[in-house]
Protein backbone atom coordinates (compact mmCIF):
# COMPACT_ATOMS: atom_id res chain seq x y z
CA MET A 1 -22.02 23.49 -4.55
CA LYS A 2 -19.86 23.93 -8.95
CA LEU A 3 -17.26 21.43 -9.67
CA LYS A 4 -14.67 21.83 -11.51
CA ALA A 5 -11.95 21.01 -12.90
CA VAL A 6 -8.72 23.06 -15.17
CA ILE A 7 -7.41 20.70 -17.46
CA GLY A 8 -4.01 20.94 -19.65
CA ARG A 9 -4.08 20.68 -22.31
CA HIS A 10 -2.15 17.64 -23.59
CA MET A 11 -4.90 15.57 -21.69
CA GLU A 12 -7.27 12.92 -23.49
CA GLN A 13 -10.55 13.78 -24.78
CA GLU A 14 -11.82 10.92 -23.31
CA LEU A 15 -10.41 11.82 -19.81
CA GLN A 16 -12.27 15.43 -20.85
CA ASP A 17 -15.55 12.97 -20.99
CA GLU A 18 -15.32 11.70 -17.85
CA ILE A 19 -14.56 13.54 -15.37
CA GLU A 20 -17.62 16.01 -17.29
CA VAL A 21 -20.15 13.67 -16.32
CA MET A 22 -19.16 12.23 -12.94
CA ARG A 23 -22.14 14.18 -10.85
CA GLY A 24 -23.77 11.00 -9.55
CA GLU A 25 -20.52 9.90 -8.53
CA VAL A 26 -19.27 12.54 -6.47
CA MET A 27 -22.83 13.29 -4.81
CA ALA A 28 -22.09 9.37 -4.17
CA ARG A 29 -19.18 9.41 -2.58
CA VAL A 30 -17.90 13.10 -1.72
CA ILE A 31 -21.31 15.07 -1.44
CA GLY A 32 -23.45 12.69 -0.12
CA PRO A 33 -21.40 10.81 2.64
CA HIS A 34 -18.95 14.12 3.66
CA LEU A 35 -21.11 16.55 3.92
CA HIS A 36 -24.13 16.09 4.53
CA ARG A 37 -26.62 15.88 1.88
CA PRO A 38 -26.96 12.62 0.02
CA ASN A 39 -29.66 14.98 -2.57
CA PHE A 40 -29.64 18.32 -4.49
CA GLY A 41 -30.75 20.10 -7.71
CA PRO A 42 -30.01 20.45 -10.42
CA ALA A 43 -29.41 24.27 -9.78
CA GLU A 44 -28.00 23.25 -6.65
CA PHE A 45 -25.46 20.59 -7.70
CA TYR A 46 -23.73 20.50 -10.84
CA ILE A 47 -19.69 20.42 -12.74
CA GLN A 48 -19.00 23.09 -15.60
CA ARG A 49 -17.28 22.17 -18.47
CA CYS A 50 -13.57 21.89 -18.25
CA ASP A 51 -12.16 24.83 -18.80
CA PHE A 52 -8.45 24.06 -20.69
CA ALA A 53 -5.03 25.72 -19.46
CA HIS A 54 -1.72 25.39 -21.31
CA SER A 55 1.25 23.18 -19.71
CA GLU A 56 4.30 21.29 -21.21
CA LYS A 57 2.43 18.68 -19.14
CA ALA A 58 -0.90 17.06 -18.74
CA PHE A 59 -2.92 18.82 -14.82
CA CYS A 60 -5.81 18.39 -13.48
CA GLU A 61 -6.41 20.53 -11.35
CA VAL A 62 -9.43 20.11 -9.27
CA ARG A 63 -12.36 22.60 -7.71
CA LEU A 64 -15.94 22.40 -5.17
CA THR A 65 -16.65 25.74 -4.26
CA GLY A 66 -19.72 27.05 -2.46
CA VAL A 67 -19.17 24.69 0.48
CA SER A 68 -21.03 26.42 2.28
CA MET A 69 -20.22 25.53 6.64
CA THR A 70 -22.99 24.28 8.21
CA ARG A 71 -23.69 22.90 11.67
CA ASP A 72 -23.85 19.72 10.60
CA ARG A 73 -20.92 19.84 8.76
CA SER A 74 -16.82 20.00 10.83
CA ASP A 75 -13.89 20.76 9.76
CA LYS A 76 -13.71 16.86 9.74
CA ASP A 77 -16.37 16.66 7.54
CA PHE A 78 -14.45 18.61 5.05
CA ASP A 79 -11.47 17.96 5.24
CA ASP A 80 -12.39 13.87 4.62
CA ALA A 81 -14.27 15.15 1.47
CA CYS A 82 -11.86 17.15 -0.27
CA GLU A 83 -9.91 14.19 -0.06
CA ALA A 84 -12.37 11.36 -0.83
CA LEU A 85 -13.26 13.60 -3.97
CA GLU A 86 -9.29 13.08 -4.59
CA ALA A 87 -9.38 9.53 -4.38
CA LEU A 88 -12.63 9.18 -6.79
CA TYR A 89 -10.19 11.91 -9.70
CA ARG A 90 -7.49 10.14 -9.07
CA GLU A 91 -9.72 5.92 -9.56
CA LYS A 92 -11.20 8.30 -13.44
CA ILE A 93 -7.22 9.12 -14.17
CA GLU A 94 -5.83 5.96 -13.50
CA GLU A 95 -9.17 3.87 -15.45
CA THR A 96 -8.96 6.25 -18.25
CA LEU A 97 -5.08 7.37 -19.00
CA PHE A 98 -3.04 5.44 -21.22
CA HIS A 99 -0.24 3.92 -18.61
CA PRO A 100 2.98 4.91 -17.74
CA LYS A 101 1.49 8.88 -18.58
CA GLN A 102 0.86 10.52 -15.94
CA VAL A 103 -1.25 13.85 -14.58
CA GLN A 104 -0.54 15.68 -12.28
CA LEU A 105 -3.80 16.05 -10.47
CA MET A 106 -4.65 18.57 -7.08
CA VAL A 107 -8.07 19.18 -5.24
CA SER A 108 -9.08 21.62 -3.16
CA LEU A 109 -12.79 22.54 -0.84
CA MET A 110 -13.79 26.35 -1.48
CA LEU A 111 -15.88 27.35 1.58
CA ASP A 112 -18.38 30.30 2.75
CA GLN A 113 -16.19 31.16 5.75
CA PRO A 114 -13.34 30.29 7.07
CA ARG A 115 -12.88 27.48 9.23
CA ARG A 116 -11.65 27.59 12.51
CA ASP A 117 -7.97 28.00 11.12
CA GLY A 118 -9.07 30.66 9.44
CA SER A 119 -8.96 29.78 5.96
CA CYS A 120 -11.97 29.15 3.48
CA LEU A 121 -9.59 26.94 0.88
CA VAL A 122 -8.96 23.39 2.08
CA GLU A 123 -6.77 21.57 -0.78
CA ARG A 124 -4.48 17.78 -0.68
CA PRO A 125 -1.66 18.48 -1.70
CA PRO A 126 -0.09 18.21 -5.69
CA ILE A 127 0.15 14.28 -6.94
CA TRP A 128 1.54 12.23 -9.53
CA VAL A 129 -1.21 10.23 -10.94
CA GLU A 130 -0.02 7.23 -13.59
CA GLY A 131 -2.44 5.98 -15.50
CA LYS A 132 -3.11 1.49 -15.44
CA ARG A 133 -4.30 1.79 -18.63
CA VAL A 134 -3.14 -0.99 -21.28
CA PRO A 135 -3.83 -0.41 -25.02
CA THR A 136 -6.06 -3.81 -26.52
CA LYS A 137 -4.44 -4.80 -29.70
């Protein structure tokens, strides 16, 4: 599996740096509990460096790709994993971004086979996340 974020050029460097080192958190909060794989080697799951896109507003589009359909994973597991991934990124953005800046966040999982509904895409609707960090004087 590969986790990759595409971010707008208006994102702060500190947030980009945080996003690129979240492997342990993603394993503990998404892949382990929801995709039932608590241990993966570095080639089995990795976070790719962020790609950049030109945009007038800050955004972060996150995709977990190469997710396999297995007998021990239900459609609900994929939905829960996508929701947990969104919550993790939302928290990271809130912690890192200075108030009142905002980032539009969109999260999806791309499966290797269609689910019962015929789609290989599990996605959350885009949300706006506001930073909660206060500058120190």
